[in-house]
Amino acid sequence: MKFRVEVNTFGDPDDSWSGNAITHASRAQAKWAAENLFDRWTAVQKWRVLDQNDKVVLEGPDEAPERTEDSEV
């Protein structure tokens, strides 16, 4: 099964998600990619991992501090 990552960014509605064509071989690899993107790209406020059937299998951030639009980088 393949997995992909989508993100929601500040200024977007809560139900608006963006992703690309990159897929990951495991749920763990996709989670790592989502967390890595969250750490690098400050516009991301939450992420999720979907399976090849577009079913959400993970959502985050899990334990990261909540970000706000005016959070310092």
C-alpha atoms as a PDB file:
ATOM      1  CA  MET A   1       0.000   0.000   0.000  1.00  0.00           C
ATOM      2  CA  LYS A   2       1.194   3.518  -0.713  1.00  0.00           C
ATOM      3  CA  PHE A   3       0.711   6.600   1.433  1.00  0.00           C
ATOM      4  CA  ARG A   4       0.818  10.321   0.710  1.00  0.00           C
ATOM      5  CA  VAL A   5       0.992  13.523   2.735  1.00  0.00           C
ATOM      6  CA  GLU A   6      -1.287  16.555   2.664  1.00  0.00           C
ATOM      7  CA  VAL A   7      -0.938  19.796   4.615  1.00  0.00           C
ATOM      8  CA  ASN A   8      -3.210  22.620   5.697  1.00  0.00           C
ATOM      9  CA  THR A   9      -1.611  26.058   5.828  1.00  0.00           C
ATOM     10  CA  PHE A  10      -2.459  29.311   7.567  1.00  0.00           C
ATOM     11  CA  GLY A  11      -5.057  31.336   5.723  1.00  0.00           C
ATOM     12  CA  ASP A  12      -6.700  28.251   4.226  1.00  0.00           C
ATOM     13  CA  PRO A  13     -10.062  26.919   5.435  1.00  0.00           C
ATOM     14  CA  ASP A  14      -9.767  23.995   7.884  1.00  0.00           C
ATOM     15  CA  ASP A  15     -11.083  21.599   5.237  1.00  0.00           C
ATOM     16  CA  SER A  16      -8.605  22.706   2.550  1.00  0.00           C
ATOM     17  CA  TRP A  17      -5.683  20.328   2.056  1.00  0.00           C
ATOM     18  CA  SER A  18      -2.763  20.431  -0.391  1.00  0.00           C
ATOM     19  CA  GLY A  19      -0.441  17.658  -1.489  1.00  0.00           C
ATOM     20  CA  ASN A  20       1.621  16.440  -4.398  1.00  0.00           C
ATOM     21  CA  ALA A  21       2.249  13.205  -6.299  1.00  0.00           C
ATOM     22  CA  ILE A  22       4.954  11.896  -3.938  1.00  0.00           C
ATOM     23  CA  THR A  23       4.019   8.561  -2.366  1.00  0.00           C
ATOM     24  CA  HIS A  24       5.664   6.616   0.448  1.00  0.00           C
ATOM     25  CA  ALA A  25       5.966   2.857   0.839  1.00  0.00           C
ATOM     26  CA  SER A  26       4.895   2.809   4.484  1.00  0.00           C
ATOM     27  CA  ARG A  27       2.765   4.765   6.913  1.00  0.00           C
ATOM     28  CA  ALA A  28       5.875   5.434   9.022  1.00  0.00           C
ATOM     29  CA  GLN A  29       7.774   6.919   6.068  1.00  0.00           C
ATOM     30  CA  ALA A  30       4.816   9.160   5.216  1.00  0.00           C
ATOM     31  CA  LYS A  31       4.523  10.282   8.844  1.00  0.00           C
ATOM     32  CA  TRP A  32       8.235  11.106   8.886  1.00  0.00           C
ATOM     33  CA  ALA A  33       7.835  13.144   5.676  1.00  0.00           C
ATOM     34  CA  ALA A  34       4.838  15.008   7.116  1.00  0.00           C
ATOM     35  CA  GLU A  35       6.628  15.822  10.371  1.00  0.00           C
ATOM     36  CA  ASN A  36       9.753  16.843   8.480  1.00  0.00           C
ATOM     37  CA  LEU A  37       7.770  19.212   6.262  1.00  0.00           C
ATOM     38  CA  PHE A  38       5.971  20.610   9.322  1.00  0.00           C
ATOM     39  CA  ASP A  39       9.334  21.320  10.952  1.00  0.00           C
ATOM     40  CA  ARG A  40      10.777  23.023   7.863  1.00  0.00           C
ATOM     41  CA  TRP A  41       7.837  24.954   6.450  1.00  0.00           C
ATOM     42  CA  THR A  42       6.373  27.435   8.934  1.00  0.00           C
ATOM     43  CA  ALA A  43       3.162  27.974   6.920  1.00  0.00           C
ATOM     44  CA  VAL A  44       1.954  24.447   7.749  1.00  0.00           C
ATOM     45  CA  GLN A  45      -0.460  24.373  10.662  1.00  0.00           C
ATOM     46  CA  LYS A  46      -1.451  20.692  10.419  1.00  0.00           C
ATOM     47  CA  TRP A  47      -0.730  17.611   8.306  1.00  0.00           C
ATOM     48  CA  ARG A  48      -2.313  14.288   7.510  1.00  0.00           C
ATOM     49  CA  VAL A  49      -1.366  10.988   5.888  1.00  0.00           C
ATOM     50  CA  LEU A  50      -3.715   9.272   3.449  1.00  0.00           C
ATOM     51  CA  ASP A  51      -3.620   5.755   2.067  1.00  0.00           C
ATOM     52  CA  GLN A  52      -3.957   4.944  -1.634  1.00  0.00           C
ATOM     53  CA  ASN A  53      -7.764   4.950  -1.237  1.00  0.00           C
ATOM     54  CA  ASP A  54      -7.696   8.529   0.132  1.00  0.00           C
ATOM     55  CA  LYS A  55      -8.605   7.381   3.637  1.00  0.00           C
ATOM     56  CA  VAL A  56      -6.985   9.492   6.388  1.00  0.00           C
ATOM     57  CA  VAL A  57      -4.795   7.178   8.483  1.00  0.00           C
ATOM     58  CA  LEU A  58      -2.803   9.707  10.569  1.00  0.00           C
ATOM     59  CA  GLU A  59      -3.168  13.366  11.500  1.00  0.00           C
ATOM     60  CA  GLY A  60      -0.765  15.747  13.163  1.00  0.00           C
ATOM     61  CA  PRO A  61       0.962  17.452  14.661  1.00  0.00           C
ATOM     62  CA  ASP A  62       0.831  15.000  17.555  1.00  0.00           C
ATOM     63  CA  GLU A  63       2.873  16.572  20.320  1.00  0.00           C
ATOM     64  CA  ALA A  64       4.241  19.662  18.625  1.00  0.00           C
ATOM     65  CA  PRO A  65       3.372  23.019  20.149  1.00  0.00           C
ATOM     66  CA  GLU A  66       0.399  24.690  18.511  1.00  0.00           C
ATOM     67  CA  ARG A  67       1.373  27.259  15.907  1.00  0.00           C
ATOM     68  CA  THR A  68      -0.341  30.551  15.325  1.00  0.00           C
ATOM     69  CA  GLU A  69       0.036  32.862  12.364  1.00  0.00           C
ATOM     70  CA  ASP A  70       2.174  35.254  14.396  1.00  0.00           C
ATOM     71  CA  SER A  71       4.423  32.559  15.935  1.00  0.00           C
ATOM     72  CA  GLU A  72       8.087  33.457  15.844  1.00  0.00           C
ATOM     73  CA  VAL A  73      10.336  31.256  13.760  1.00  0.00           C
END
